[in-house]
Amino acid sequence: MKKKQFRKKLALTLLEIMIVIFLIGLISSVIGFNMKGSLDKAKVFKTEKGIAQIKEILLLEIDQNPLILGEITSGDGKVNMDAAKKWLLRSGMIKDDKTFKDGWGGEYEIVPKPEGDDFEVVSEKLKAYEAKNKQAKKDEA
């Protein structure tokens, strides 16, 4: 009669498990580090497109009704954001309030130009990001 040979199942040792966990963490950190730059670029892209969209829609509305510019801007060089949002939403080209937020979640600002008949849509977060990256590029050079 043959003896049955039982093979002992080899279990993973603690060292092997620790090595696998270390490798998974290392790969995750490399991927996460590379994704950060992509996320910032996406925020910049969204913000730039949002600025262009808001300015274009406001210009179309002002072209159809020139009195809108007077309602949106006041004589002291400030912009009534509530009136601007009202006209943007009334245009039908903007569906919700998400359009009024930049890539970082901050509100856009509408700043009248000194000439008085034009305006600029700006994002403080985008300005800060561009200033930070401009400084970083100077430091690298």
Protein backbone atom coordinates (compact mmCIF):
# COMPACT_ATOMS: atom_id res chain seq x y z
CA MET A 1 0.00 0.00 0.00
CA LYS A 2 1.26 3.38 -0.94
CA LYS A 3 1.59 6.04 1.63
CA LYS A 4 -0.16 9.21 0.83
CA GLN A 5 2.21 12.05 0.73
CA PHE A 6 0.80 15.24 2.03
CA ARG A 7 2.36 18.31 0.63
CA LYS A 8 2.55 21.06 3.06
CA LYS A 9 0.94 24.20 1.68
CA LEU A 10 3.33 27.06 1.78
CA ALA A 11 1.88 30.18 3.28
CA LEU A 12 3.07 33.69 2.57
CA THR A 13 5.51 34.90 5.12
CA LEU A 14 5.18 38.21 6.83
CA LEU A 15 8.21 39.51 4.94
CA GLU A 16 6.65 38.70 1.57
CA ILE A 17 3.40 40.42 2.52
CA MET A 18 5.32 43.50 3.68
CA ILE A 19 7.24 43.64 0.39
CA VAL A 20 4.01 43.44 -1.63
CA ILE A 21 2.39 46.20 0.44
CA PHE A 22 5.50 48.37 0.04
CA LEU A 23 5.46 47.91 -3.75
CA ILE A 24 1.75 48.75 -3.96
CA GLY A 25 2.35 51.90 -1.92
CA LEU A 26 5.32 52.91 -4.06
CA ILE A 27 3.37 52.50 -7.29
CA SER A 28 0.38 54.39 -5.85
CA SER A 29 2.54 57.31 -4.75
CA VAL A 30 4.18 57.60 -8.18
CA ILE A 31 0.78 57.60 -9.89
CA GLY A 32 -0.61 60.12 -7.39
CA PHE A 33 2.36 62.45 -7.85
CA ASN A 34 1.94 62.40 -11.63
CA MET A 35 -1.82 62.98 -11.37
CA LYS A 36 -1.43 66.20 -9.36
CA GLY A 37 -0.05 68.12 -12.31
CA SER A 38 -2.81 66.83 -14.55
CA LEU A 39 -5.49 67.92 -12.10
CA ASP A 40 -4.08 71.44 -11.93
CA LYS A 41 -3.97 71.64 -15.72
CA ALA A 42 -7.60 70.49 -15.86
CA LYS A 43 -8.61 73.20 -13.38
CA VAL A 44 -6.82 75.83 -15.46
CA PHE A 45 -8.51 74.56 -18.64
CA LYS A 46 -11.97 74.60 -17.04
CA THR A 47 -11.41 78.09 -15.67
CA GLU A 48 -10.18 79.51 -18.98
CA LYS A 49 -13.13 78.00 -20.86
CA GLY A 50 -15.56 79.27 -18.23
CA ILE A 51 -14.15 82.79 -18.48
CA ALA A 52 -14.49 82.76 -22.26
CA GLN A 53 -18.03 81.37 -22.08
CA ILE A 54 -19.28 83.91 -19.53
CA LYS A 55 -17.73 86.85 -21.39
CA GLU A 56 -19.13 85.70 -24.73
CA ILE A 57 -22.65 85.20 -23.37
CA LEU A 58 -22.61 88.58 -21.61
CA LEU A 59 -21.39 90.29 -24.79
CA LEU A 60 -24.21 88.65 -26.76
CA GLU A 61 -26.77 89.80 -24.20
CA ILE A 62 -25.34 93.33 -24.15
CA ASP A 63 -25.42 93.41 -27.96
CA GLN A 64 -29.12 92.55 -27.90
CA ASN A 65 -29.90 94.98 -25.08
CA PRO A 66 -27.26 97.69 -24.46
CA LEU A 67 -28.98 98.78 -21.24
CA ILE A 68 -27.75 95.58 -19.58
CA LEU A 69 -24.24 97.02 -19.30
CA GLY A 70 -25.57 99.92 -17.24
CA GLU A 71 -27.49 97.54 -15.01
CA ILE A 72 -24.48 95.29 -14.48
CA THR A 73 -21.90 98.02 -13.91
CA SER A 74 -22.26 100.99 -11.64
CA GLY A 75 -20.49 104.31 -11.80
CA ASP A 76 -18.03 103.46 -9.02
CA GLY A 77 -16.26 100.79 -11.09
CA LYS A 78 -17.90 97.82 -9.41
CA VAL A 79 -20.03 95.12 -10.95
CA ASN A 80 -23.37 93.92 -9.66
CA MET A 81 -22.74 90.16 -9.79
CA ASP A 82 -26.37 89.34 -9.01
CA ALA A 83 -27.53 91.30 -12.05
CA ALA A 84 -24.85 89.68 -14.21
CA LYS A 85 -25.89 86.20 -13.04
CA LYS A 86 -29.53 87.07 -13.67
CA TRP A 87 -28.82 88.05 -17.27
CA LEU A 88 -26.56 85.06 -17.85
CA LEU A 89 -29.22 82.65 -16.58
CA ARG A 90 -31.93 84.48 -18.52
CA SER A 91 -29.95 83.96 -21.75
CA GLY A 92 -30.77 80.24 -21.63
CA MET A 93 -27.17 79.28 -22.43
CA ILE A 94 -26.31 78.60 -18.80
CA LYS A 95 -28.24 75.90 -17.01
CA ASP A 96 -27.04 76.09 -13.40
CA ASP A 97 -24.80 77.90 -10.93
CA LYS A 98 -21.85 75.56 -11.53
CA THR A 99 -20.91 77.67 -14.54
CA PHE A 100 -20.20 80.61 -12.25
CA LYS A 101 -17.46 78.70 -10.41
CA ASP A 102 -13.89 78.25 -11.59
CA GLY A 103 -11.90 75.02 -11.51
CA TRP A 104 -11.03 75.53 -7.85
CA GLY A 105 -14.62 76.22 -6.82
CA GLY A 106 -14.24 79.99 -6.46
CA GLU A 107 -16.59 82.54 -8.01
CA TYR A 108 -15.64 84.44 -11.15
CA GLU A 109 -15.44 88.20 -10.90
CA ILE A 110 -16.48 90.65 -13.58
CA VAL A 111 -14.25 93.71 -13.60
CA PRO A 112 -15.08 96.73 -15.77
CA LYS A 113 -12.22 98.13 -17.81
CA PRO A 114 -11.30 101.81 -17.35
CA GLU A 115 -12.80 102.74 -20.73
CA GLY A 116 -16.20 101.91 -19.27
CA ASP A 117 -17.67 100.10 -22.27
CA ASP A 118 -15.93 96.77 -21.78
CA PHE A 119 -15.30 94.33 -18.97
CA GLU A 120 -13.09 91.42 -18.05
CA VAL A 121 -14.01 88.13 -16.39
CA VAL A 122 -11.32 87.04 -13.93
CA SER A 123 -10.65 84.29 -11.42
CA GLU A 124 -8.52 85.08 -8.38
CA LYS A 125 -7.53 81.43 -8.02
CA LEU A 126 -6.32 81.32 -11.64
CA LYS A 127 -4.28 84.50 -11.10
CA ALA A 128 -2.72 83.00 -7.97
CA TYR A 129 -1.96 79.73 -9.78
CA GLU A 130 -0.34 81.56 -12.71
CA ALA A 131 1.71 83.77 -10.37
CA LYS A 132 2.87 80.72 -8.41
CA ASN A 133 3.88 78.84 -11.55
CA LYS A 134 5.56 81.92 -13.02
CA GLN A 135 7.64 82.23 -9.85
CA ALA A 136 8.45 78.50 -9.88
CA LYS A 137 9.63 78.73 -13.51
CA LYS A 138 11.83 81.71 -12.62
CA ASP A 139 13.36 79.74 -9.75
CA GLU A 140 14.13 76.81 -12.06
CA ALA A 141 15.90 79.03 -14.60
